[in-house]
PDB file of N, CA and C in Angstrom:
ATOM      1  N   MET A   1       0.846  -1.182   0.000  1.00  0.00           N
ATOM      2  CA  MET A   1       0.000   0.000   0.000  1.00  0.00           C
ATOM      3  C   MET A   1       0.892   1.247   0.000  1.00  0.00           C
ATOM      4  N   VAL A   2       0.585   2.183  -0.851  1.00  0.00           N
ATOM      5  CA  VAL A   2       1.339   3.421  -0.955  1.00  0.00           C
ATOM      6  C   VAL A   2       0.437   4.571  -0.541  1.00  0.00           C
ATOM      7  N   LEU A   3       0.916   5.359   0.400  1.00  0.00           N
ATOM      8  CA  LEU A   3       0.155   6.539   0.815  1.00  0.00           C
ATOM      9  C   LEU A   3       0.509   7.698  -0.102  1.00  0.00           C
ATOM     10  N   SER A   4      -0.509   8.338  -0.603  1.00  0.00           N
ATOM     11  CA  SER A   4      -0.235   9.491  -1.468  1.00  0.00           C
ATOM     12  C   SER A   4      -0.055  10.738  -0.604  1.00  0.00           C
ATOM     13  N   LEU A   5       0.706  11.648  -1.124  1.00  0.00           N
ATOM     14  CA  LEU A   5       0.939  12.908  -0.425  1.00  0.00           C
ATOM     15  C   LEU A   5      -0.215  13.862  -0.683  1.00  0.00           C
ATOM     16  N   LYS A   6      -0.414  14.750   0.247  1.00  0.00           N
ATOM     17  CA  LYS A   6      -1.462  15.754   0.111  1.00  0.00           C
ATOM     18  C   LYS A   6      -1.181  16.606  -1.131  1.00  0.00           C
ATOM     19  N   PRO A   7      -2.198  16.850  -1.976  1.00  0.00           N
ATOM     20  CA  PRO A   7      -1.974  17.722  -3.135  1.00  0.00           C
ATOM     21  C   PRO A   7      -1.460  19.087  -2.676  1.00  0.00           C
ATOM     22  N   GLY A   8      -0.479  19.587  -3.381  1.00  0.00           N
ATOM     23  CA  GLY A   8       0.072  20.888  -3.026  1.00  0.00           C
ATOM     24  C   GLY A   8       1.140  20.837  -1.952  1.00  0.00           C
ATOM     25  N   TRP A   9       1.597  19.655  -1.581  1.00  0.00           N
ATOM     26  CA  TRP A   9       2.592  19.553  -0.506  1.00  0.00           C
ATOM     27  C   TRP A   9       3.873  20.298  -0.842  1.00  0.00           C
ATOM     28  N   THR A  10       4.210  20.379  -2.144  1.00  0.00           N
ATOM     29  CA  THR A  10       5.427  21.105  -2.508  1.00  0.00           C
ATOM     30  C   THR A  10       5.273  22.594  -2.221  1.00  0.00           C
ATOM     31  N   THR A  11       4.072  23.112  -2.396  1.00  0.00           N
ATOM     32  CA  THR A  11       3.804  24.520  -2.088  1.00  0.00           C
ATOM     33  C   THR A  11       3.982  24.778  -0.599  1.00  0.00           C
ATOM     34  N   LEU A  12       3.541  23.842   0.221  1.00  0.00           N
ATOM     35  CA  LEU A  12       3.665  24.003   1.670  1.00  0.00           C
ATOM     36  C   LEU A  12       5.126  24.047   2.099  1.00  0.00           C
ATOM     37  N   ALA A  13       5.976  23.324   1.396  1.00  0.00           N
ATOM     38  CA  ALA A  13       7.388  23.264   1.762  1.00  0.00           C
ATOM     39  C   ALA A  13       8.232  24.360   1.106  1.00  0.00           C
ATOM     40  N   ASP A  14       7.704  24.993   0.068  1.00  0.00           N
ATOM     41  CA  ASP A  14       8.465  25.987  -0.696  1.00  0.00           C
ATOM     42  C   ASP A  14       8.356  27.362  -0.049  1.00  0.00           C
ATOM     43  N   LYS A  15       9.464  27.862   0.486  1.00  0.00           N
ATOM     44  CA  LYS A  15       9.477  29.171   1.158  1.00  0.00           C
ATOM     45  C   LYS A  15       9.279  30.330   0.178  1.00  0.00           C
ATOM     46  N   HIS A  16       9.347  30.065  -1.126  1.00  0.00           N
ATOM     47  CA  HIS A  16       9.154  31.106  -2.135  1.00  0.00           C
ATOM     48  C   HIS A  16       7.805  30.972  -2.840  1.00  0.00           C
ATOM     49  N   SER A  17       6.917  30.154  -2.288  1.00  0.00           N
ATOM     50  CA  SER A  17       5.613  29.951  -2.912  1.00  0.00           C
ATOM     51  C   SER A  17       4.687  31.135  -2.652  1.00  0.00           C
ATOM     52  N   LEU A  18       3.631  31.196  -3.426  1.00  0.00           N
ATOM     53  CA  LEU A  18       2.617  32.230  -3.246  1.00  0.00           C
ATOM     54  C   LEU A  18       1.973  32.115  -1.858  1.00  0.00           C
ATOM     55  N   LEU A  19       1.810  30.897  -1.383  1.00  0.00           N
ATOM     56  CA  LEU A  19       1.253  30.687  -0.045  1.00  0.00           C
ATOM     57  C   LEU A  19       2.106  31.371   1.016  1.00  0.00           C
ATOM     58  N   HIS A  20       3.409  31.164   0.974  1.00  0.00           N
ATOM     59  CA  HIS A  20       4.292  31.782   1.969  1.00  0.00           C
ATOM     60  C   HIS A  20       4.365  33.293   1.805  1.00  0.00           C
ATOM     61  N   PHE A  21       4.254  33.766   0.556  1.00  0.00           N
ATOM     62  CA  PHE A  21       4.231  35.209   0.319  1.00  0.00           C
ATOM     63  C   PHE A  21       3.020  35.827   1.012  1.00  0.00           C
ATOM     64  N   TRP A  22       1.838  35.231   0.843  1.00  0.00           N
ATOM     65  CA  TRP A  22       0.632  35.774   1.480  1.00  0.00           C
ATOM     66  C   TRP A  22       0.676  35.627   3.000  1.00  0.00           C
ATOM     67  N   LYS A  23       1.253  34.551   3.485  1.00  0.00           N
ATOM     68  CA  LYS A  23       1.428  34.415   4.937  1.00  0.00           C
ATOM     69  C   LYS A  23       2.301  35.543   5.469  1.00  0.00           C
ATOM     70  N   ARG A  24       3.353  35.871   4.732  1.00  0.00           N
ATOM     71  CA  ARG A  24       4.251  36.970   5.123  1.00  0.00           C
ATOM     72  C   ARG A  24       3.501  38.298   5.125  1.00  0.00           C
ATOM     73  N   LEU A  25       2.691  38.543   4.086  1.00  0.00           N
ATOM     74  CA  LEU A  25       1.910  39.785   4.027  1.00  0.00           C
ATOM     75  C   LEU A  25       0.950  39.894   5.211  1.00  0.00           C
ATOM     76  N   LEU A  26       0.263  38.823   5.520  1.00  0.00           N
ATOM     77  CA  LEU A  26      -0.675  38.846   6.646  1.00  0.00           C
ATOM     78  C   LEU A  26       0.049  39.042   7.970  1.00  0.00           C
ATOM     79  N   SER A  27       1.222  38.441   8.099  1.00  0.00           N
ATOM     80  CA  SER A  27       2.024  38.621   9.303  1.00  0.00           C
ATOM     81  C   SER A  27       2.468  40.078   9.452  1.00  0.00           C
ATOM     82  N   LEU A  28       2.914  40.688   8.347  1.00  0.00           N
ATOM     83  CA  LEU A  28       3.319  42.102   8.381  1.00  0.00           C
ATOM     84  C   LEU A  28       2.132  43.005   8.693  1.00  0.00           C
ATOM     85  N   ARG A  29       0.973  42.684   8.133  1.00  0.00           N
ATOM     86  CA  ARG A  29      -0.233  43.473   8.405  1.00  0.00           C
ATOM     87  C   ARG A  29      -0.558  43.452   9.894  1.00  0.00           C
ATOM     88  N   GLN A  30      -0.412  42.305  10.507  1.00  0.00           N
ATOM     89  CA  GLN A  30      -0.671  42.187  11.940  1.00  0.00           C
ATOM     90  C   GLN A  30       0.411  42.896  12.755  1.00  0.00           C
ATOM     91  N   GLU A  31       1.668  42.720  12.374  1.00  0.00           N
ATOM     92  CA  GLU A  31       2.780  43.317  13.112  1.00  0.00           C
ATOM     93  C   GLU A  31       2.776  44.844  13.038  1.00  0.00           C
ATOM     94  N   TYR A  32       2.417  45.384  11.886  1.00  0.00           N
ATOM     95  CA  TYR A  32       2.417  46.836  11.674  1.00  0.00           C
ATOM     96  C   TYR A  32       0.989  47.364  11.495  1.00  0.00           C
ATOM     97  N   ALA A  33       0.052  46.841  12.267  1.00  0.00           N
ATOM     98  CA  ALA A  33      -1.364  47.188  12.105  1.00  0.00           C
ATOM     99  C   ALA A  33      -1.615  48.686  12.172  1.00  0.00           C
ATOM    100  N   ASP A  34      -1.045  49.384  13.167  1.00  0.00           N
ATOM    101  CA  ASP A  34      -1.324  50.823  13.281  1.00  0.00           C
ATOM    102  C   ASP A  34      -0.741  51.597  12.115  1.00  0.00           C
ATOM    103  N   LEU A  35       0.243  51.060  11.443  1.00  0.00           N
ATOM    104  CA  LEU A  35       0.842  51.744  10.298  1.00  0.00           C
ATOM    105  C   LEU A  35       0.144  51.378   8.987  1.00  0.00           C
ATOM    106  N   LEU A  36      -0.180  50.110   8.790  1.00  0.00           N
ATOM    107  CA  LEU A  36      -0.689  49.658   7.499  1.00  0.00           C
ATOM    108  C   LEU A  36      -2.208  49.676   7.365  1.00  0.00           C
ATOM    109  N   ILE A  37      -2.928  49.603   8.462  1.00  0.00           N
ATOM    110  CA  ILE A  37      -4.382  49.479   8.371  1.00  0.00           C
ATOM    111  C   ILE A  37      -5.089  50.814   8.537  1.00  0.00           C
ATOM    112  N   TYR A  38      -4.697  51.584   9.521  1.00  0.00           N
ATOM    113  CA  TYR A  38      -5.452  52.774   9.894  1.00  0.00           C
ATOM    114  C   TYR A  38      -4.903  54.038   9.245  1.00  0.00           C
ATOM    115  N   ASP A  39      -5.683  55.092   9.293  1.00  0.00           N
ATOM    116  CA  ASP A  39      -5.324  56.422   8.802  1.00  0.00           C
ATOM    117  C   ASP A  39      -5.340  56.498   7.275  1.00  0.00           C
ATOM    118  N   ASP A  40      -5.023  57.687   6.788  1.00  0.00           N
ATOM    119  CA  ASP A  40      -5.054  57.968   5.358  1.00  0.00           C
ATOM    120  C   ASP A  40      -3.720  57.636   4.707  1.00  0.00           C
ATOM    121  N   PHE A  41      -3.688  57.781   3.396  1.00  0.00           N
ATOM    122  CA  PHE A  41      -2.444  57.593   2.668  1.00  0.00           C
ATOM    123  C   PHE A  41      -2.234  58.756   1.715  1.00  0.00           C
ATOM    124  N   GLU A  42      -0.983  58.962   1.336  1.00  0.00           N
ATOM    125  CA  GLU A  42      -0.612  60.037   0.425  1.00  0.00           C
ATOM    126  C   GLU A  42      -0.097  59.420  -0.872  1.00  0.00           C
ATOM    127  N   VAL A  43      -0.682  59.844  -1.997  1.00  0.00           N
ATOM    128  CA  VAL A  43      -0.308  59.311  -3.304  1.00  0.00           C
ATOM    129  C   VAL A  43       0.737  60.215  -3.947  1.00  0.00           C
ATOM    130  N   TYR A  44       1.732  59.600  -4.577  1.00  0.00           N
ATOM    131  CA  TYR A  44       2.786  60.326  -5.284  1.00  0.00           C
ATOM    132  C   TYR A  44       2.684  60.038  -6.779  1.00  0.00           C
ATOM    133  N   ASP A  45       3.108  60.998  -7.587  1.00  0.00           N
ATOM    134  CA  ASP A  45       3.191  60.840  -9.040  1.00  0.00           C
ATOM    135  C   ASP A  45       1.869  60.350  -9.636  1.00  0.00           C
ATOM    136  N   MET A  46       0.824  61.135  -9.415  1.00  0.00           N
ATOM    137  CA  MET A  46      -0.516  60.773  -9.886  1.00  0.00           C
ATOM    138  C   MET A  46      -0.588  60.587 -11.402  1.00  0.00           C
ATOM    139  N   GLY A  47       0.300  61.227 -12.146  1.00  0.00           N
ATOM    140  CA  GLY A  47       0.266  61.128 -13.599  1.00  0.00           C
ATOM    141  C   GLY A  47       0.862  59.853 -14.160  1.00  0.00           C
ATOM    142  N   ASN A  48       1.516  59.066 -13.333  1.00  0.00           N
ATOM    143  CA  ASN A  48       2.150  57.835 -13.799  1.00  0.00           C
ATOM    144  C   ASN A  48       1.107  56.720 -13.830  1.00  0.00           C
ATOM    145  N   VAL A  49       0.757  56.270 -15.036  1.00  0.00           N
ATOM    146  CA  VAL A  49      -0.277  55.245 -15.165  1.00  0.00           C
ATOM    147  C   VAL A  49       0.264  53.834 -14.937  1.00  0.00           C
ATOM    148  N   ASP A  50       1.584  53.680 -14.919  1.00  0.00           N
ATOM    149  CA  ASP A  50       2.181  52.354 -14.756  1.00  0.00           C
ATOM    150  C   ASP A  50       2.583  52.038 -13.321  1.00  0.00           C
ATOM    151  N   VAL A  51       3.041  53.043 -12.592  1.00  0.00           N
ATOM    152  CA  VAL A  51       3.540  52.824 -11.229  1.00  0.00           C
ATOM    153  C   VAL A  51       2.700  53.625 -10.247  1.00  0.00           C
ATOM    154  N   PHE A  52       2.178  52.935  -9.247  1.00  0.00           N
ATOM    155  CA  PHE A  52       1.397  53.575  -8.189  1.00  0.00           C
ATOM    156  C   PHE A  52       2.265  53.579  -6.935  1.00  0.00           C
ATOM    157  N   THR A  53       2.597  54.761  -6.450  1.00  0.00           N
ATOM    158  CA  THR A  53       3.423  54.912  -5.254  1.00  0.00           C
ATOM    159  C   THR A  53       2.638  55.698  -4.226  1.00  0.00           C
ATOM    160  N   PHE A  54       2.564  55.154  -3.021  1.00  0.00           N
ATOM    161  CA  PHE A  54       1.866  55.859  -1.956  1.00  0.00           C
ATOM    162  C   PHE A  54       2.531  55.580  -0.618  1.00  0.00           C
ATOM    163  N   ALA A  55       2.242  56.441   0.344  1.00  0.00           N
ATOM    164  CA  ALA A  55       2.816  56.297   1.686  1.00  0.00           C
ATOM    165  C   ALA A  55       1.707  56.322   2.717  1.00  0.00           C
ATOM    166  N   LYS A  56       1.897  55.529   3.744  1.00  0.00           N
ATOM    167  CA  LYS A  56       1.050  55.577   4.936  1.00  0.00           C
ATOM    168  C   LYS A  56       1.904  56.247   6.005  1.00  0.00           C
ATOM    169  N   VAL A  57       1.409  57.366   6.513  1.00  0.00           N
ATOM    170  CA  VAL A  57       2.155  58.127   7.515  1.00  0.00           C
ATOM    171  C   VAL A  57       1.319  58.180   8.782  1.00  0.00           C
ATOM    172  N   THR A  58       1.868  57.637   9.857  1.00  0.00           N
ATOM    173  CA  THR A  58       1.187  57.659  11.150  1.00  0.00           C
ATOM    174  C   THR A  58       2.195  58.055  12.222  1.00  0.00           C
ATOM    175  N   ALA A  59       1.710  58.181  13.435  1.00  0.00           N
ATOM    176  CA  ALA A  59       2.594  58.504  14.556  1.00  0.00           C
ATOM    177  C   ALA A  59       3.618  57.392  14.785  1.00  0.00           C
ATOM    178  N   SER A  60       3.277  56.163  14.374  1.00  0.00           N
ATOM    179  CA  SER A  60       4.189  55.041  14.609  1.00  0.00           C
ATOM    180  C   SER A  60       5.216  54.855  13.497  1.00  0.00           C
ATOM    181  N   GLY A  61       5.110  55.610  12.404  1.00  0.00           N
ATOM    182  CA  GLY A  61       6.109  55.492  11.351  1.00  0.00           C
ATOM    183  C   GLY A  61       5.573  55.792   9.972  1.00  0.00           C
ATOM    184  N   ILE A  62       6.390  55.454   8.981  1.00  0.00           N
ATOM    185  CA  ILE A  62       6.039  55.675   7.579  1.00  0.00           C
ATOM    186  C   ILE A  62       6.278  54.384   6.808  1.00  0.00           C
ATOM    187  N   ALA A  63       5.274  53.993   6.028  1.00  0.00           N
ATOM    188  CA  ALA A  63       5.417  52.881   5.096  1.00  0.00           C
ATOM    189  C   ALA A  63       5.277  53.445   3.694  1.00  0.00           C
ATOM    190  N   LEU A  64       6.167  53.052   2.799  1.00  0.00           N
ATOM    191  CA  LEU A  64       6.130  53.492   1.410  1.00  0.00           C
ATOM    192  C   LEU A  64       5.888  52.266   0.540  1.00  0.00           C
ATOM    193  N   ILE A  65       4.898  52.355  -0.342  1.00  0.00           N
ATOM    194  CA  ILE A  65       4.523  51.232  -1.187  1.00  0.00           C
ATOM    195  C   ILE A  65       4.683  51.639  -2.643  1.00  0.00           C
ATOM    196  N   ALA A  66       5.352  50.809  -3.429  1.00  0.00           N
ATOM    197  CA  ALA A  66       5.535  51.045  -4.861  1.00  0.00           C
ATOM    198  C   ALA A  66       5.028  49.822  -5.617  1.00  0.00           C
ATOM    199  N   LEU A  67       4.106  50.049  -6.561  1.00  0.00           N
ATOM    200  CA  LEU A  67       3.483  48.963  -7.306  1.00  0.00           C
ATOM    201  C   LEU A  67       3.597  49.218  -8.801  1.00  0.00           C
ATOM    202  N   ASN A  68       4.174  48.286  -9.526  1.00  0.00           N
ATOM    203  CA  ASN A  68       4.281  48.386 -10.981  1.00  0.00           C
ATOM    204  C   ASN A  68       3.120  47.610 -11.591  1.00  0.00           C
ATOM    205  N   PHE A  69       2.197  48.323 -12.219  1.00  0.00           N
ATOM    206  CA  PHE A  69       1.028  47.709 -12.832  1.00  0.00           C
ATOM    207  C   PHE A  69       1.209  47.543 -14.343  1.00  0.00           C
ATOM    208  N   SER A  70       2.418  47.225 -14.775  1.00  0.00           N
ATOM    209  CA  SER A  70       2.650  47.036 -16.204  1.00  0.00           C
ATOM    210  C   SER A  70       3.490  45.788 -16.449  1.00  0.00           C
ATOM    211  N   ALA A  71       3.496  45.359 -17.700  1.00  0.00           N
ATOM    212  CA  ALA A  71       4.266  44.179 -18.098  1.00  0.00           C
ATOM    213  C   ALA A  71       5.714  44.531 -18.432  1.00  0.00           C
ATOM    214  N   ASP A  72       6.094  45.788 -18.226  1.00  0.00           N
ATOM    215  CA  ASP A  72       7.456  46.243 -18.509  1.00  0.00           C
ATOM    216  C   ASP A  72       8.131  46.717 -17.230  1.00  0.00           C
ATOM    217  N   SER A  73       9.453  46.615 -17.195  1.00  0.00           N
ATOM    218  CA  SER A  73      10.207  47.191 -16.079  1.00  0.00           C
ATOM    219  C   SER A  73      10.018  48.700 -16.093  1.00  0.00           C
ATOM    220  N   GLN A  74       9.966  49.298 -14.911  1.00  0.00           N
ATOM    221  CA  GLN A  74       9.744  50.736 -14.790  1.00  0.00           C
ATOM    222  C   GLN A  74      10.793  51.337 -13.861  1.00  0.00           C
ATOM    223  N   GLY A  75      11.320  52.488 -14.254  1.00  0.00           N
ATOM    224  CA  GLY A  75      12.216  53.216 -13.368  1.00  0.00           C
ATOM    225  C   GLY A  75      11.433  53.743 -12.179  1.00  0.00           C
ATOM    226  N   TRP A  76      12.083  53.765 -11.022  1.00  0.00           N
ATOM    227  CA  TRP A  76      11.409  54.227  -9.810  1.00  0.00           C
ATOM    228  C   TRP A  76      12.434  54.848  -8.873  1.00  0.00           C
ATOM    229  N   SER A  77      12.013  55.888  -8.184  1.00  0.00           N
ATOM    230  CA  SER A  77      12.871  56.470  -7.150  1.00  0.00           C
ATOM    231  C   SER A  77      12.003  56.933  -5.992  1.00  0.00           C
ATOM    232  N   LYS A  78      12.620  57.013  -4.852  1.00  0.00           N
ATOM    233  CA  LYS A  78      11.930  57.466  -3.643  1.00  0.00           C
ATOM    234  C   LYS A  78      11.433  58.891  -3.881  1.00  0.00           C
ATOM    235  N   PRO A  79      10.180  59.184  -3.518  1.00  0.00           N
ATOM    236  CA  PRO A  79       9.680  60.554  -3.655  1.00  0.00           C
ATOM    237  C   PRO A  79      10.558  61.535  -2.878  1.00  0.00           C
ATOM    238  N   ASP A  80      10.735  62.728  -3.436  1.00  0.00           N
ATOM    239  CA  ASP A  80      11.627  63.735  -2.850  1.00  0.00           C
ATOM    240  C   ASP A  80      11.265  64.109  -1.422  1.00  0.00           C
ATOM    241  N   ASP A  81       9.973  64.153  -1.110  1.00  0.00           N
ATOM    242  CA  ASP A  81       9.595  64.599   0.232  1.00  0.00           C
ATOM    243  C   ASP A  81       9.541  63.470   1.263  1.00  0.00           C
ATOM    244  N   VAL A  82       9.945  62.268   0.884  1.00  0.00           N
ATOM    245  CA  VAL A  82      10.066  61.171   1.848  1.00  0.00           C
ATOM    246  C   VAL A  82      11.518  61.127   2.299  1.00  0.00           C
ATOM    247  N   GLU A  83      11.731  61.449   3.562  1.00  0.00           N
ATOM    248  CA  GLU A  83      13.092  61.488   4.104  1.00  0.00           C
ATOM    249  C   GLU A  83      13.362  60.248   4.938  1.00  0.00           C
ATOM    250  N   GLY A  84      14.564  59.737   4.828  1.00  0.00           N
ATOM    251  CA  GLY A  84      14.962  58.593   5.629  1.00  0.00           C
ATOM    252  C   GLY A  84      15.425  57.434   4.769  1.00  0.00           C
ATOM    253  N   GLN A  85      15.894  56.415   5.445  1.00  0.00           N
ATOM    254  CA  GLN A  85      16.392  55.192   4.820  1.00  0.00           C
ATOM    255  C   GLN A  85      15.218  54.284   4.478  1.00  0.00           C
ATOM    256  N   LEU A  86      15.237  53.674   3.289  1.00  0.00           N
ATOM    257  CA  LEU A  86      14.207  52.719   2.893  1.00  0.00           C
ATOM    258  C   LEU A  86      14.683  51.304   3.192  1.00  0.00           C
ATOM    259  N   ASP A  87      13.890  50.577   3.970  1.00  0.00           N
ATOM    260  CA  ASP A  87      14.176  49.179   4.265  1.00  0.00           C
ATOM    261  C   ASP A  87      13.047  48.341   3.689  1.00  0.00           C
ATOM    262  N   VAL A  88      13.364  47.428   2.771  1.00  0.00           N
ATOM    263  CA  VAL A  88      12.341  46.596   2.143  1.00  0.00           C
ATOM    264  C   VAL A  88      11.807  45.596   3.163  1.00  0.00           C
ATOM    265  N   LEU A  89      10.504  45.667   3.411  1.00  0.00           N
ATOM    266  CA  LEU A  89       9.872  44.677   4.279  1.00  0.00           C
ATOM    267  C   LEU A  89       9.453  43.459   3.469  1.00  0.00           C
ATOM    268  N   VAL A  90       8.934  43.712   2.271  1.00  0.00           N
ATOM    269  CA  VAL A  90       8.505  42.602   1.422  1.00  0.00           C
ATOM    270  C   VAL A  90       8.450  43.071  -0.028  1.00  0.00           C
ATOM    271  N   SER A  91       8.738  42.133  -0.919  1.00  0.00           N
ATOM    272  CA  SER A  91       8.628  42.356  -2.359  1.00  0.00           C
ATOM    273  C   SER A  91       8.243  41.026  -2.986  1.00  0.00           C
ATOM    274  N   ASN A  92       7.468  41.080  -4.046  1.00  0.00           N
ATOM    275  CA  ASN A  92       7.079  39.832  -4.704  1.00  0.00           C
ATOM    276  C   ASN A  92       8.104  39.382  -5.746  1.00  0.00           C
ATOM    277  N   VAL A  93       9.180  40.158  -5.913  1.00  0.00           N
ATOM    278  CA  VAL A  93      10.240  39.836  -6.871  1.00  0.00           C
ATOM    279  C   VAL A  93      11.584  40.000  -6.167  1.00  0.00           C
ATOM    280  N   GLN A  94      12.484  39.050  -6.381  1.00  0.00           N
ATOM    281  CA  GLN A  94      13.837  39.193  -5.860  1.00  0.00           C
ATOM    282  C   GLN A  94      14.573  40.151  -6.786  1.00  0.00           C
ATOM    283  N   SER A  95      14.785  41.369  -6.336  1.00  0.00           N
ATOM    284  CA  SER A  95      15.378  42.398  -7.181  1.00  0.00           C
ATOM    285  C   SER A  95      16.586  42.994  -6.486  1.00  0.00           C
ATOM    286  N   SER A  96      17.638  43.194  -7.254  1.00  0.00           N
ATOM    287  CA  SER A  96      18.834  43.782  -6.663  1.00  0.00           C
ATOM    288  C   SER A  96      18.955  45.262  -6.992  1.00  0.00           C
ATOM    289  N   GLU A  97      18.109  45.749  -7.889  1.00  0.00           N
ATOM    290  CA  GLU A  97      18.199  47.136  -8.323  1.00  0.00           C
ATOM    291  C   GLU A  97      17.021  47.931  -7.769  1.00  0.00           C
ATOM    292  N   GLU A  98      17.307  48.809  -6.815  1.00  0.00           N
ATOM    293  CA  GLU A  98      16.246  49.573  -6.165  1.00  0.00           C
ATOM    294  C   GLU A  98      15.575  50.560  -7.110  1.00  0.00           C
ATOM    295  N   SER A  99      16.289  51.028  -8.122  1.00  0.00           N
ATOM    296  CA  SER A  99      15.758  52.070  -9.001  1.00  0.00           C
ATOM    297  C   SER A  99      14.894  51.530 -10.139  1.00  0.00           C
ATOM    298  N   VAL A 100      14.690  50.219 -10.184  1.00  0.00           N
ATOM    299  CA  VAL A 100      13.861  49.623 -11.234  1.00  0.00           C
ATOM    300  C   VAL A 100      12.870  48.659 -10.601  1.00  0.00           C
ATOM    301  N   LEU A 101      11.603  48.825 -10.972  1.00  0.00           N
ATOM    302  CA  LEU A 101      10.577  47.869 -10.573  1.00  0.00           C
ATOM    303  C   LEU A 101      10.384  46.886 -11.719  1.00  0.00           C
ATOM    304  N   ALA A 102      10.470  45.612 -11.427  1.00  0.00           N
ATOM    305  CA  ALA A 102      10.255  44.578 -12.436  1.00  0.00           C
ATOM    306  C   ALA A 102       8.776  44.577 -12.840  1.00  0.00           C
ATOM    307  N   PRO A 103       8.439  43.951 -13.969  1.00  0.00           N
ATOM    308  CA  PRO A 103       7.029  43.864 -14.352  1.00  0.00           C
ATOM    309  C   PRO A 103       6.189  43.263 -13.224  1.00  0.00           C
ATOM    310  N   TRP A 104       5.091  43.925 -12.908  1.00  0.00           N
ATOM    311  CA  TRP A 104       4.119  43.500 -11.896  1.00  0.00           C
ATOM    312  C   TRP A 104       4.703  43.428 -10.482  1.00  0.00           C
ATOM    313  N   GLU A 105       5.817  44.085 -10.251  1.00  0.00           N
ATOM    314  CA  GLU A 105       6.448  44.038  -8.927  1.00  0.00           C
ATOM    315  C   GLU A 105       5.768  44.992  -7.956  1.00  0.00           C
ATOM    316  N   GLY A 106       5.711  44.569  -6.717  1.00  0.00           N
ATOM    317  CA  GLY A 106       5.247  45.415  -5.629  1.00  0.00           C
ATOM    318  C   GLY A 106       6.247  45.356  -4.490  1.00  0.00           C
ATOM    319  N   ARG A 107       6.516  46.510  -3.887  1.00  0.00           N
ATOM    320  CA  ARG A 107       7.445  46.578  -2.750  1.00  0.00           C
ATOM    321  C   ARG A 107       6.804  47.352  -1.615  1.00  0.00           C
ATOM    322  N   LEU A 108       7.068  46.894  -0.419  1.00  0.00           N
ATOM    323  CA  LEU A 108       6.654  47.589   0.796  1.00  0.00           C
ATOM    324  C   LEU A 108       7.919  47.955   1.551  1.00  0.00           C
ATOM    325  N   TYR A 109       8.119  49.255   1.740  1.00  0.00           N
ATOM    326  CA  TYR A 109       9.283  49.768   2.460  1.00  0.00           C
ATOM    327  C   TYR A 109       8.854  50.312   3.813  1.00  0.00           C
ATOM    328  N   LEU A 110       9.716  50.166   4.782  1.00  0.00           N
ATOM    329  CA  LEU A 110       9.594  50.859   6.050  1.00  0.00           C
ATOM    330  C   LEU A 110      10.622  51.977   6.009  1.00  0.00           C
ATOM    331  N   VAL A 111      10.191  53.201   6.281  1.00  0.00           N
ATOM    332  CA  VAL A 111      11.087  54.352   6.241  1.00  0.00           C
ATOM    333  C   VAL A 111      11.620  54.590   7.643  1.00  0.00           C
ATOM    334  N   SER A 112      12.958  54.610   7.757  1.00  0.00           N
ATOM    335  CA  SER A 112      13.554  54.815   9.087  1.00  0.00           C
ATOM    336  C   SER A 112      14.398  56.067   9.106  1.00  0.00           C
TER     337      SER A 112
END
């Protein structure tokens, strides 16, 4: 008798799977709830139809989010009025170049 493995078992074991990515997002949402959930946000570069960049600014800190909604790589830079060091909390693409967003890439930065 051979026991079959649960369907999707490779996804459960893969630290780079979509499942683990969403678990990470939910964990960050819980950890930074006062920063990511509540209050308003400020949108930057409203004229850019490919890249949506916005910040959540609260008493507990600043989160900067950059989202590339195109199938092409897009140049990106920190908005001029955001001061401080950018630390990537999560990205859906392993990228070594901060100034370029890969196609469909999203990044969440914590500003320190």
